Amino acid sequence: MTDHAVPNLPSRDFDDTVAFYGEFGFEREYRDEGWLILRRGELRLEFFLFPGLVPEESSFMCSVRVDDLDGLYRQINEAGVLEKTTGRPRLHPVQLQPWGQRAGFLVDPDGTQLNLIENAA
């Protein structure tokens, strides 16, 4: 296995987190009382239990870099996450960003922002 970093994100309720991310291909790899790992191919997201999290005050975020950005975005949208500017969950459309790559954004039910970034060719 190569060296890598994995984001650690908050979850108010692991069952809700598994259900939300499961709608677009993440499967449970590990779970105990305080830790949850979800996997989609080689992508892993790790969650810690944070029942007192106030989503409107959350500043948690991470970047998810993928080869098939349009496919992932479409899957999230088809799972019922809508493009909108407020509320949770929500999507922000894929666009060419000022730094030169295409990216969209997902805000999950716990207020965490996932920057969905297309891998450079």
N, C-alpha and C. Protein backbone atom coordinates (compact mmCIF):
# COMPACT_ATOMS: atom_id res chain seq x y z
N MET A 1 0.85 -1.19 0.00
CA MET A 1 0.00 0.00 0.00
C MET A 1 0.88 1.24 0.00
N THR A 2 0.52 2.21 -0.80
CA THR A 2 1.28 3.45 -0.83
C THR A 2 0.83 4.36 0.31
N ASP A 3 1.70 5.30 0.66
CA ASP A 3 1.34 6.28 1.69
C ASP A 3 0.14 7.08 1.21
N HIS A 4 -0.73 7.44 2.13
CA HIS A 4 -1.89 8.23 1.78
C HIS A 4 -2.47 8.88 3.03
N ALA A 5 -3.30 9.86 2.84
CA ALA A 5 -4.01 10.52 3.93
C ALA A 5 -5.50 10.30 3.72
N VAL A 6 -6.22 10.19 4.81
CA VAL A 6 -7.65 9.97 4.74
C VAL A 6 -8.35 11.03 5.61
N PRO A 7 -9.34 11.71 5.06
CA PRO A 7 -10.04 12.71 5.86
C PRO A 7 -10.80 12.08 7.01
N ASN A 8 -10.83 12.76 8.14
CA ASN A 8 -11.63 12.36 9.30
C ASN A 8 -12.73 13.39 9.45
N LEU A 9 -13.96 12.96 9.26
CA LEU A 9 -15.10 13.84 9.18
C LEU A 9 -16.10 13.54 10.30
N PRO A 10 -16.87 14.54 10.71
CA PRO A 10 -17.84 14.31 11.78
C PRO A 10 -19.12 13.66 11.28
N SER A 11 -19.73 12.89 12.14
CA SER A 11 -21.04 12.30 11.87
C SER A 11 -21.88 12.40 13.14
N ARG A 12 -23.06 12.97 13.01
CA ARG A 12 -23.96 13.02 14.16
C ARG A 12 -24.59 11.66 14.42
N ASP A 13 -24.71 10.84 13.37
CA ASP A 13 -25.35 9.53 13.49
C ASP A 13 -24.80 8.63 12.39
N PHE A 14 -24.11 7.57 12.79
CA PHE A 14 -23.48 6.69 11.80
C PHE A 14 -24.49 6.05 10.84
N ASP A 15 -25.66 5.66 11.34
CA ASP A 15 -26.66 5.05 10.45
C ASP A 15 -27.06 6.02 9.35
N ASP A 16 -27.26 7.29 9.70
CA ASP A 16 -27.61 8.30 8.71
C ASP A 16 -26.47 8.51 7.71
N THR A 17 -25.24 8.52 8.20
CA THR A 17 -24.08 8.72 7.33
C THR A 17 -23.94 7.56 6.34
N VAL A 18 -24.08 6.32 6.84
CA VAL A 18 -24.01 5.15 5.96
C VAL A 18 -25.10 5.22 4.90
N ALA A 19 -26.31 5.59 5.29
CA ALA A 19 -27.42 5.67 4.34
C ALA A 19 -27.18 6.75 3.30
N PHE A 20 -26.72 7.94 3.72
CA PHE A 20 -26.51 9.04 2.79
C PHE A 20 -25.43 8.70 1.77
N TYR A 21 -24.24 8.34 2.22
CA TYR A 21 -23.13 8.07 1.31
C TYR A 21 -23.34 6.77 0.52
N GLY A 22 -24.10 5.84 1.09
CA GLY A 22 -24.40 4.60 0.39
C GLY A 22 -25.20 4.81 -0.87
N GLU A 23 -25.98 5.89 -0.92
CA GLU A 23 -26.79 6.19 -2.09
C GLU A 23 -25.94 6.46 -3.33
N PHE A 24 -24.67 6.80 -3.14
CA PHE A 24 -23.82 7.02 -4.32
C PHE A 24 -22.52 6.22 -4.25
N GLY A 25 -22.67 4.97 -3.79
CA GLY A 25 -21.62 3.99 -3.98
C GLY A 25 -20.65 3.74 -2.84
N PHE A 26 -20.76 4.43 -1.73
CA PHE A 26 -19.86 4.15 -0.60
C PHE A 26 -20.42 2.98 0.21
N GLU A 27 -19.54 2.07 0.58
CA GLU A 27 -19.92 0.91 1.38
C GLU A 27 -19.17 0.93 2.70
N ARG A 28 -19.79 0.38 3.71
CA ARG A 28 -19.17 0.33 5.03
C ARG A 28 -18.00 -0.66 5.01
N GLU A 29 -16.84 -0.17 5.40
CA GLU A 29 -15.66 -1.03 5.50
C GLU A 29 -15.37 -1.38 6.96
N TYR A 30 -15.69 -0.46 7.87
CA TYR A 30 -15.43 -0.68 9.30
C TYR A 30 -16.37 0.18 10.11
N ARG A 31 -16.79 -0.34 11.26
CA ARG A 31 -17.60 0.46 12.18
C ARG A 31 -17.46 -0.09 13.59
N ASP A 32 -17.28 0.83 14.52
CA ASP A 32 -17.40 0.49 15.93
C ASP A 32 -18.18 1.61 16.60
N GLU A 33 -18.13 1.72 17.92
CA GLU A 33 -18.94 2.71 18.62
C GLU A 33 -18.59 4.15 18.28
N GLY A 34 -17.34 4.40 17.91
CA GLY A 34 -16.92 5.78 17.70
C GLY A 34 -16.27 6.06 16.36
N TRP A 35 -16.16 5.04 15.50
CA TRP A 35 -15.45 5.24 14.24
C TRP A 35 -16.14 4.50 13.12
N LEU A 36 -16.16 5.12 11.94
CA LEU A 36 -16.79 4.55 10.76
C LEU A 36 -15.89 4.81 9.56
N ILE A 37 -15.67 3.79 8.75
CA ILE A 37 -14.92 3.94 7.51
C ILE A 37 -15.81 3.52 6.35
N LEU A 38 -15.95 4.42 5.37
CA LEU A 38 -16.70 4.13 4.15
C LEU A 38 -15.74 4.11 2.98
N ARG A 39 -16.04 3.23 2.03
CA ARG A 39 -15.15 3.06 0.88
C ARG A 39 -15.96 3.03 -0.41
N ARG A 40 -15.42 3.70 -1.41
CA ARG A 40 -15.97 3.67 -2.77
C ARG A 40 -14.78 3.49 -3.68
N GLY A 41 -14.56 2.27 -4.16
CA GLY A 41 -13.34 1.97 -4.91
C GLY A 41 -12.14 2.21 -4.02
N GLU A 42 -11.23 3.06 -4.47
CA GLU A 42 -10.05 3.37 -3.66
C GLU A 42 -10.25 4.57 -2.73
N LEU A 43 -11.40 5.23 -2.85
CA LEU A 43 -11.70 6.37 -1.96
C LEU A 43 -12.13 5.87 -0.60
N ARG A 44 -11.61 6.48 0.44
CA ARG A 44 -12.03 6.18 1.80
C ARG A 44 -12.34 7.48 2.52
N LEU A 45 -13.45 7.47 3.23
CA LEU A 45 -13.79 8.55 4.14
C LEU A 45 -13.94 7.94 5.52
N GLU A 46 -13.32 8.56 6.51
CA GLU A 46 -13.42 8.07 7.88
C GLU A 46 -14.18 9.10 8.70
N PHE A 47 -15.10 8.61 9.53
CA PHE A 47 -15.97 9.46 10.32
C PHE A 47 -15.82 9.17 11.80
N PHE A 48 -15.84 10.21 12.60
CA PHE A 48 -15.87 10.07 14.05
C PHE A 48 -17.24 10.53 14.53
N LEU A 49 -17.72 9.90 15.59
CA LEU A 49 -19.03 10.24 16.12
C LEU A 49 -18.98 11.59 16.82
N PHE A 50 -19.89 12.49 16.43
CA PHE A 50 -19.94 13.84 16.96
C PHE A 50 -21.42 14.23 17.08
N PRO A 51 -22.14 13.62 18.05
CA PRO A 51 -23.58 13.85 18.14
C PRO A 51 -23.95 15.30 18.45
N GLY A 52 -23.07 16.08 19.04
CA GLY A 52 -23.37 17.46 19.37
C GLY A 52 -23.05 18.46 18.28
N LEU A 53 -22.64 17.99 17.12
CA LEU A 53 -22.30 18.88 16.01
C LEU A 53 -23.50 19.73 15.60
N VAL A 54 -23.26 21.00 15.40
CA VAL A 54 -24.28 21.91 14.87
C VAL A 54 -23.92 22.14 13.39
N PRO A 55 -24.63 21.49 12.47
CA PRO A 55 -24.26 21.56 11.05
C PRO A 55 -24.12 22.98 10.51
N GLU A 56 -24.96 23.89 10.97
CA GLU A 56 -24.91 25.27 10.47
C GLU A 56 -23.63 25.99 10.89
N GLU A 57 -22.96 25.47 11.90
CA GLU A 57 -21.72 26.08 12.39
C GLU A 57 -20.48 25.30 11.99
N SER A 58 -20.67 24.23 11.23
CA SER A 58 -19.55 23.35 10.87
C SER A 58 -18.61 24.03 9.86
N SER A 59 -17.33 23.82 10.07
CA SER A 59 -16.34 24.29 9.09
C SER A 59 -15.49 23.11 8.61
N PHE A 60 -16.00 21.88 8.79
CA PHE A 60 -15.29 20.70 8.31
C PHE A 60 -15.36 20.63 6.81
N MET A 61 -14.24 20.23 6.19
CA MET A 61 -14.22 20.03 4.74
C MET A 61 -13.09 19.11 4.36
N CYS A 62 -13.18 18.57 3.16
CA CYS A 62 -12.10 17.76 2.60
C CYS A 62 -12.20 17.81 1.09
N SER A 63 -11.16 17.38 0.43
CA SER A 63 -11.15 17.29 -1.03
C SER A 63 -11.14 15.83 -1.44
N VAL A 64 -11.97 15.52 -2.42
CA VAL A 64 -12.05 14.19 -3.00
C VAL A 64 -11.66 14.35 -4.46
N ARG A 65 -10.57 13.73 -4.86
CA ARG A 65 -10.05 13.86 -6.23
C ARG A 65 -10.32 12.56 -6.98
N VAL A 66 -11.00 12.68 -8.11
CA VAL A 66 -11.44 11.50 -8.86
C VAL A 66 -11.18 11.67 -10.35
N ASP A 67 -11.05 10.54 -11.04
CA ASP A 67 -10.89 10.55 -12.49
C ASP A 67 -12.21 10.87 -13.18
N ASP A 68 -13.32 10.30 -12.68
CA ASP A 68 -14.62 10.48 -13.31
C ASP A 68 -15.50 11.41 -12.47
N LEU A 69 -15.17 12.68 -12.49
CA LEU A 69 -15.91 13.67 -11.72
C LEU A 69 -17.37 13.74 -12.17
N ASP A 70 -17.60 13.76 -13.47
CA ASP A 70 -18.97 13.87 -13.95
C ASP A 70 -19.81 12.67 -13.52
N GLY A 71 -19.22 11.48 -13.53
CA GLY A 71 -19.94 10.28 -13.10
C GLY A 71 -20.30 10.33 -11.63
N LEU A 72 -19.35 10.73 -10.78
CA LEU A 72 -19.63 10.83 -9.35
C LEU A 72 -20.69 11.89 -9.09
N TYR A 73 -20.54 13.04 -9.71
CA TYR A 73 -21.50 14.13 -9.53
C TYR A 73 -22.91 13.69 -9.94
N ARG A 74 -23.00 13.03 -11.08
CA ARG A 74 -24.28 12.54 -11.58
C ARG A 74 -24.89 11.54 -10.59
N GLN A 75 -24.08 10.64 -10.06
CA GLN A 75 -24.56 9.65 -9.10
C GLN A 75 -25.12 10.32 -7.85
N ILE A 76 -24.41 11.34 -7.35
CA ILE A 76 -24.88 12.06 -6.16
C ILE A 76 -26.20 12.75 -6.47
N ASN A 77 -26.28 13.39 -7.62
CA ASN A 77 -27.50 14.10 -8.01
C ASN A 77 -28.66 13.13 -8.20
N GLU A 78 -28.41 11.99 -8.84
CA GLU A 78 -29.46 10.99 -9.05
C GLU A 78 -29.92 10.36 -7.75
N ALA A 79 -29.09 10.44 -6.70
CA ALA A 79 -29.47 9.94 -5.38
C ALA A 79 -30.39 10.92 -4.66
N GLY A 80 -30.65 12.08 -5.29
CA GLY A 80 -31.59 13.02 -4.72
C GLY A 80 -30.98 14.26 -4.11
N VAL A 81 -29.65 14.42 -4.19
CA VAL A 81 -29.02 15.63 -3.68
C VAL A 81 -29.12 16.69 -4.78
N LEU A 82 -29.78 17.79 -4.47
CA LEU A 82 -30.09 18.80 -5.47
C LEU A 82 -29.06 19.92 -5.50
N GLU A 83 -28.95 20.55 -6.65
CA GLU A 83 -28.14 21.75 -6.79
C GLU A 83 -28.92 22.91 -6.19
N LYS A 84 -28.36 23.52 -5.15
CA LYS A 84 -28.96 24.69 -4.53
C LYS A 84 -27.89 25.44 -3.75
N THR A 85 -28.19 26.64 -3.31
CA THR A 85 -27.18 27.47 -2.66
C THR A 85 -27.28 27.48 -1.14
N THR A 86 -28.36 26.94 -0.58
CA THR A 86 -28.50 26.86 0.86
C THR A 86 -29.08 25.51 1.24
N GLY A 87 -28.98 25.19 2.52
CA GLY A 87 -29.54 23.95 3.03
C GLY A 87 -28.54 22.80 2.95
N ARG A 88 -28.97 21.68 3.51
CA ARG A 88 -28.16 20.47 3.53
C ARG A 88 -29.07 19.28 3.32
N PRO A 89 -28.64 18.31 2.59
CA PRO A 89 -27.45 18.30 1.73
C PRO A 89 -27.70 19.14 0.48
N ARG A 90 -26.62 19.46 -0.20
CA ARG A 90 -26.75 20.22 -1.45
C ARG A 90 -25.51 20.02 -2.31
N LEU A 91 -25.69 20.31 -3.59
CA LEU A 91 -24.62 20.25 -4.58
C LEU A 91 -24.40 21.63 -5.18
N HIS A 92 -23.16 21.92 -5.52
CA HIS A 92 -22.81 23.09 -6.31
C HIS A 92 -22.23 22.55 -7.61
N PRO A 93 -22.66 23.07 -8.75
CA PRO A 93 -22.31 22.50 -10.05
C PRO A 93 -20.80 22.43 -10.32
N VAL A 94 -20.44 21.46 -11.15
CA VAL A 94 -19.06 21.33 -11.61
C VAL A 94 -18.76 22.49 -12.55
N GLN A 95 -17.66 23.17 -12.29
CA GLN A 95 -17.22 24.28 -13.12
C GLN A 95 -15.70 24.31 -13.15
N LEU A 96 -15.16 24.96 -14.15
CA LEU A 96 -13.73 25.22 -14.18
C LEU A 96 -13.44 26.24 -13.08
N GLN A 97 -12.52 25.90 -12.20
CA GLN A 97 -12.21 26.75 -11.05
C GLN A 97 -11.04 27.68 -11.36
N PRO A 98 -10.88 28.76 -10.60
CA PRO A 98 -9.79 29.71 -10.84
C PRO A 98 -8.40 29.07 -10.82
N TRP A 99 -8.25 27.95 -10.11
CA TRP A 99 -6.94 27.30 -10.05
C TRP A 99 -6.69 26.37 -11.24
N GLY A 100 -7.66 26.30 -12.18
CA GLY A 100 -7.43 25.60 -13.44
C GLY A 100 -7.98 24.19 -13.53
N GLN A 101 -8.64 23.68 -12.49
CA GLN A 101 -9.23 22.34 -12.56
C GLN A 101 -10.74 22.45 -12.44
N ARG A 102 -11.42 21.40 -12.92
CA ARG A 102 -12.87 21.33 -12.77
C ARG A 102 -13.20 20.78 -11.39
N ALA A 103 -14.20 21.38 -10.74
CA ALA A 103 -14.62 20.93 -9.42
C ALA A 103 -16.08 21.28 -9.19
N GLY A 104 -16.73 20.45 -8.41
CA GLY A 104 -18.06 20.71 -7.88
C GLY A 104 -17.97 20.54 -6.37
N PHE A 105 -19.06 20.80 -5.68
CA PHE A 105 -19.00 20.75 -4.22
C PHE A 105 -20.25 20.08 -3.69
N LEU A 106 -20.06 19.23 -2.68
CA LEU A 106 -21.14 18.55 -1.98
C LEU A 106 -21.10 19.00 -0.53
N VAL A 107 -22.23 19.42 0.01
CA VAL A 107 -22.35 19.67 1.44
C VAL A 107 -23.26 18.57 1.97
N ASP A 108 -22.73 17.77 2.91
CA ASP A 108 -23.49 16.62 3.41
C ASP A 108 -24.47 17.04 4.51
N PRO A 109 -25.29 16.12 5.01
CA PRO A 109 -26.28 16.47 6.02
C PRO A 109 -25.69 17.03 7.32
N ASP A 110 -24.43 16.72 7.59
CA ASP A 110 -23.77 17.23 8.81
C ASP A 110 -23.06 18.55 8.58
N GLY A 111 -23.19 19.13 7.40
CA GLY A 111 -22.59 20.42 7.11
C GLY A 111 -21.16 20.36 6.60
N THR A 112 -20.63 19.15 6.37
CA THR A 112 -19.27 19.00 5.86
C THR A 112 -19.26 19.26 4.36
N GLN A 113 -18.30 20.06 3.90
CA GLN A 113 -18.16 20.33 2.47
C GLN A 113 -17.11 19.40 1.88
N LEU A 114 -17.50 18.67 0.85
CA LEU A 114 -16.56 17.85 0.10
C LEU A 114 -16.31 18.53 -1.23
N ASN A 115 -15.06 18.91 -1.47
CA ASN A 115 -14.65 19.49 -2.74
C ASN A 115 -14.43 18.33 -3.70
N LEU A 116 -15.27 18.22 -4.71
CA LEU A 116 -15.20 17.12 -5.67
C LEU A 116 -14.37 17.61 -6.85
N ILE A 117 -13.12 17.16 -6.94
CA ILE A 117 -12.16 17.72 -7.88
C ILE A 117 -11.74 16.66 -8.89
N GLU A 118 -11.74 17.05 -10.17
CA GLU A 118 -11.30 16.15 -11.23
C GLU A 118 -9.78 16.05 -11.25
N ASN A 119 -9.28 14.81 -11.27
CA ASN A 119 -7.84 14.62 -11.38
C ASN A 119 -7.31 15.25 -12.65
N ALA A 120 -6.13 15.83 -12.55
CA ALA A 120 -5.49 16.43 -13.73
C ALA A 120 -5.17 15.32 -14.73
N ALA A 121 -5.32 15.62 -15.99
CA ALA A 121 -5.06 14.62 -17.04
C ALA A 121 -3.58 14.29 -17.10
